[in-house]
Amino acid sequence: MNPHFEIKDKKIIYEILDSAEYGTFALCVDDRPYAVPMNFVRIGEYIYFHGAIKSKKMKILAQNPNASFSVVENYSLIDSDFSSTKGLACPVTQFFKSVSIDGIIEMVESREEKAIMFEAMMKKLQPKGGYKPFNDEAYDKTLKATAVFKLVADDIACKFKFGQHLTDERFEMIISNLKARGTEMDIATIEVMREERKN
């Protein structure tokens, strides 16, 4: 990874994970990859997921517990002519924040840990509340019938791509073009570009 783009601060990494509603969960068995978008929640250093007990994911995990998970927070698409006057397509790029995690999946069996996961998931996805807490016995059957599993990380990589590696001339050219286009995303992208340029 280009060192200009690499982020190692756990606080920043966790902020991205906590704000993302879903990510891509990837598995592999018999040399055949399988990837699926999934809701998730981070609790401490673990990433938690849930799903049907009888599912393709669970069948694969029974054979190979290795997994990878990634989230992406997209910012502005940078048109090719935003940073170059040569008329080539090559400079087109996407600015973004991303986190990729590789590790091992562990199954969650206890009702208590399942309830903690679902409580955290609901607080993330429905912060307004309006539901019974998961220690309520009304959830007993559902919790028993639902697979809950967590990703124990071996490796975490975080990348911010906002033109940090570019010359001052190209960097300012992009900012000028983003200002001219002027969408809400473009304005947000400019803010992050300037912040990352300082670091």
Protein backbone atom coordinates (compact mmCIF):
# COMPACT_ATOMS: atom_id res chain seq x y z
CA MET A 1 0.00 0.00 0.00
CA ASN A 2 1.18 3.51 -0.80
CA PRO A 3 2.33 4.92 2.58
CA HIS A 4 0.64 8.23 1.72
CA PHE A 5 -2.72 6.44 1.86
CA GLU A 6 -2.21 4.15 4.87
CA ILE A 7 -4.07 4.86 8.13
CA LYS A 8 -2.95 3.07 11.30
CA ASP A 9 -4.86 4.97 13.99
CA LYS A 10 -7.32 2.48 15.55
CA LYS A 11 -9.66 5.30 16.60
CA ILE A 12 -10.05 6.44 12.97
CA ILE A 13 -10.49 2.85 11.77
CA TYR A 14 -13.19 2.21 14.36
CA GLU A 15 -14.99 5.44 13.40
CA ILE A 16 -15.28 4.21 9.81
CA LEU A 17 -16.51 0.79 10.90
CA ASP A 18 -19.03 2.27 13.32
CA SER A 19 -20.51 4.62 10.74
CA ALA A 20 -20.78 2.05 7.90
CA GLU A 21 -24.16 0.31 7.66
CA TYR A 22 -22.86 -2.66 5.72
CA GLY A 23 -19.74 -4.17 4.17
CA THR A 24 -18.68 -7.05 1.95
CA PHE A 25 -18.10 -10.37 3.71
CA ALA A 26 -15.89 -12.77 1.74
CA LEU A 27 -15.28 -16.50 2.18
CA CYS A 28 -13.66 -19.26 0.16
CA VAL A 29 -14.07 -23.03 -0.09
CA ASP A 30 -12.67 -25.49 -2.63
CA ASP A 31 -10.90 -22.58 -4.39
CA ARG A 32 -14.24 -20.90 -5.05
CA PRO A 33 -14.68 -17.42 -3.55
CA TYR A 34 -18.00 -16.23 -2.17
CA ALA A 35 -18.72 -12.60 -1.22
CA VAL A 36 -21.93 -11.06 0.07
CA PRO A 37 -22.94 -7.63 1.46
CA MET A 38 -23.86 -7.82 5.14
CA ASN A 39 -24.91 -5.61 8.02
CA PHE A 40 -22.50 -5.80 10.94
CA VAL A 41 -21.58 -4.22 14.22
CA ARG A 42 -18.23 -3.72 15.91
CA ILE A 43 -17.98 -4.55 19.60
CA GLY A 44 -14.50 -3.94 20.93
CA GLU A 45 -12.06 -5.53 18.50
CA TYR A 46 -14.58 -7.97 17.03
CA ILE A 47 -16.86 -7.60 14.01
CA TYR A 48 -20.19 -9.37 14.53
CA PHE A 49 -22.61 -10.74 11.93
CA HIS A 50 -25.80 -12.77 11.98
CA GLY A 51 -27.77 -14.88 9.54
CA ALA A 52 -29.75 -18.03 8.95
CA ILE A 53 -28.33 -21.19 10.49
CA LYS A 54 -28.97 -23.06 7.25
CA SER A 55 -27.29 -20.86 4.67
CA LYS A 56 -24.50 -20.93 2.14
CA LYS A 57 -22.34 -18.85 4.47
CA MET A 58 -22.68 -21.32 7.32
CA LYS A 59 -21.91 -24.29 5.08
CA ILE A 60 -18.73 -22.60 3.86
CA LEU A 61 -17.68 -21.53 7.36
CA ALA A 62 -18.05 -25.12 8.58
CA GLN A 63 -15.33 -26.07 6.09
CA ASN A 64 -13.17 -22.94 6.18
CA PRO A 65 -13.43 -20.34 8.97
CA ASN A 66 -11.03 -17.91 7.27
CA ALA A 67 -12.79 -14.73 6.20
CA SER A 68 -12.23 -11.24 4.88
CA PHE A 69 -14.42 -8.19 5.39
CA SER A 70 -14.28 -4.74 3.86
CA VAL A 71 -16.16 -1.47 4.05
CA VAL A 72 -15.85 1.54 1.77
CA GLU A 73 -16.95 5.13 2.31
CA ASN A 74 -17.07 6.75 -1.11
CA TYR A 75 -16.29 10.39 -1.73
CA SER A 76 -16.10 12.26 -5.05
CA LEU A 77 -15.31 10.66 -8.37
CA ILE A 78 -12.39 12.64 -9.79
CA ASP A 79 -12.87 13.11 -13.53
CA SER A 80 -9.80 12.62 -15.71
CA ASP A 81 -9.68 16.31 -16.64
CA PHE A 82 -9.84 17.41 -12.99
CA SER A 83 -6.09 16.91 -12.56
CA SER A 84 -4.67 16.81 -16.09
CA THR A 85 -4.87 18.79 -19.33
CA LYS A 86 -3.45 16.01 -21.53
CA GLY A 87 -6.83 14.55 -22.52
CA LEU A 88 -6.03 11.04 -21.25
CA ALA A 89 -8.46 8.84 -19.35
CA CYS A 90 -5.77 7.57 -16.95
CA PRO A 91 -6.09 10.27 -14.24
CA VAL A 92 -9.73 9.40 -13.49
CA THR A 93 -9.99 8.06 -9.95
CA GLN A 94 -12.26 7.63 -6.95
CA PHE A 95 -11.52 9.22 -3.60
CA PHE A 96 -12.53 7.08 -0.61
CA LYS A 97 -11.94 5.72 2.87
CA SER A 98 -11.75 1.94 3.26
CA VAL A 99 -11.10 -0.71 5.88
CA SER A 100 -10.21 -4.33 5.08
CA ILE A 101 -10.01 -7.03 7.74
CA ASP A 102 -8.70 -10.59 7.44
CA GLY A 103 -9.20 -13.13 10.19
CA ILE A 104 -10.93 -16.18 11.59
CA ILE A 105 -14.64 -16.59 12.26
CA GLU A 106 -15.75 -17.80 15.68
CA MET A 107 -19.32 -18.94 16.24
CA VAL A 108 -21.30 -17.37 19.10
CA GLU A 109 -23.34 -19.88 21.08
CA SER A 110 -24.38 -18.15 24.31
CA ARG A 111 -27.70 -16.36 24.50
CA GLU A 112 -26.03 -13.55 26.46
CA GLU A 113 -23.46 -12.76 23.78
CA LYS A 114 -26.06 -13.01 21.03
CA ALA A 115 -28.27 -10.56 22.92
CA ILE A 116 -25.35 -8.15 23.34
CA MET A 117 -24.67 -8.32 19.61
CA PHE A 118 -28.29 -7.65 18.63
CA GLU A 119 -28.59 -4.81 21.14
CA ALA A 120 -25.47 -3.19 19.66
CA MET A 121 -26.72 -3.78 16.11
CA MET A 122 -30.06 -2.12 16.87
CA LYS A 123 -28.40 0.86 18.57
CA LYS A 124 -26.32 1.30 15.42
CA LEU A 125 -29.08 0.84 12.84
CA GLN A 126 -32.07 2.16 14.83
CA PRO A 127 -30.69 4.62 17.39
CA LYS A 128 -34.16 6.06 18.08
CA GLY A 129 -35.01 2.89 20.06
CA GLY A 130 -38.63 1.74 20.05
CA TYR A 131 -38.05 -1.98 20.68
CA LYS A 132 -37.92 -4.35 23.63
CA PRO A 133 -34.43 -5.00 25.04
CA PHE A 134 -32.92 -8.33 24.03
CA ASN A 135 -32.89 -9.71 27.56
CA ASP A 136 -36.67 -10.04 27.13
CA GLU A 137 -37.78 -13.67 26.87
CA ALA A 138 -39.80 -12.76 23.77
CA TYR A 139 -36.52 -13.09 21.86
CA ASP A 140 -35.56 -16.54 23.19
CA LYS A 141 -36.80 -18.46 20.17
CA THR A 142 -35.36 -16.00 17.64
CA LEU A 143 -31.94 -15.91 19.27
CA LYS A 144 -31.80 -19.70 19.38
CA ALA A 145 -32.75 -19.97 15.71
CA THR A 146 -30.27 -17.33 14.48
CA ALA A 147 -26.59 -17.86 13.73
CA VAL A 148 -24.31 -15.22 15.23
CA PHE A 149 -20.62 -15.14 14.46
CA LYS A 150 -17.68 -12.80 14.89
CA LEU A 151 -14.55 -12.03 12.92
CA VAL A 152 -11.38 -12.18 15.00
CA ALA A 153 -8.88 -10.03 13.10
CA ASP A 154 -5.42 -11.19 12.08
CA ASP A 155 -4.80 -8.13 9.94
CA ILE A 156 -6.49 -4.74 9.50
CA ALA A 157 -5.68 -2.36 6.66
CA CYS A 158 -7.13 1.12 6.33
CA LYS A 159 -6.71 3.37 3.30
CA PHE A 160 -7.64 7.00 2.67
CA LYS A 161 -7.23 8.12 -0.94
CA PHE A 162 -7.59 11.88 -1.30
CA GLY A 163 -4.74 12.93 -3.59
CA GLN A 164 -2.20 13.15 -0.74
CA HIS A 165 0.58 11.98 -3.08
CA LEU A 166 -0.07 14.53 -5.83
CA THR A 167 1.96 17.66 -6.60
CA ASP A 168 0.60 20.92 -5.22
CA GLU A 169 -0.40 21.95 -8.74
CA ARG A 170 -2.51 18.84 -9.42
CA PHE A 171 -3.93 18.85 -5.90
CA GLU A 172 -5.15 22.44 -6.21
CA MET A 173 -6.44 21.77 -9.73
CA ILE A 174 -8.68 19.02 -8.35
CA ILE A 175 -9.95 21.28 -5.59
CA SER A 176 -10.72 24.02 -8.11
CA ASN A 177 -12.71 21.59 -10.28
CA LEU A 178 -14.55 20.14 -7.29
CA LYS A 179 -15.53 23.66 -6.21
CA ALA A 180 -16.80 24.39 -9.72
CA ARG A 181 -18.89 21.20 -9.79
CA GLY A 182 -20.04 22.03 -6.28
CA THR A 183 -22.06 19.05 -5.11
CA GLU A 184 -22.42 18.35 -1.38
CA MET A 185 -20.10 15.38 -1.81
CA ASP A 186 -17.54 17.56 -3.61
CA ILE A 187 -17.51 20.06 -0.74
CA ALA A 188 -17.11 17.23 1.78
CA THR A 189 -14.30 15.76 -0.33
CA ILE A 190 -12.43 19.08 -0.38
CA GLU A 191 -12.59 19.24 3.42
CA VAL A 192 -11.10 15.75 3.78
CA MET A 193 -8.49 16.45 1.09
CA ARG A 194 -7.22 19.49 2.95
CA GLU A 195 -7.25 17.66 6.28
CA GLU A 196 -5.34 14.67 4.90
CA ARG A 197 -2.84 16.97 3.18
CA LYS A 198 -1.84 18.30 6.61
CA ASN A 199 -1.08 14.82 7.98
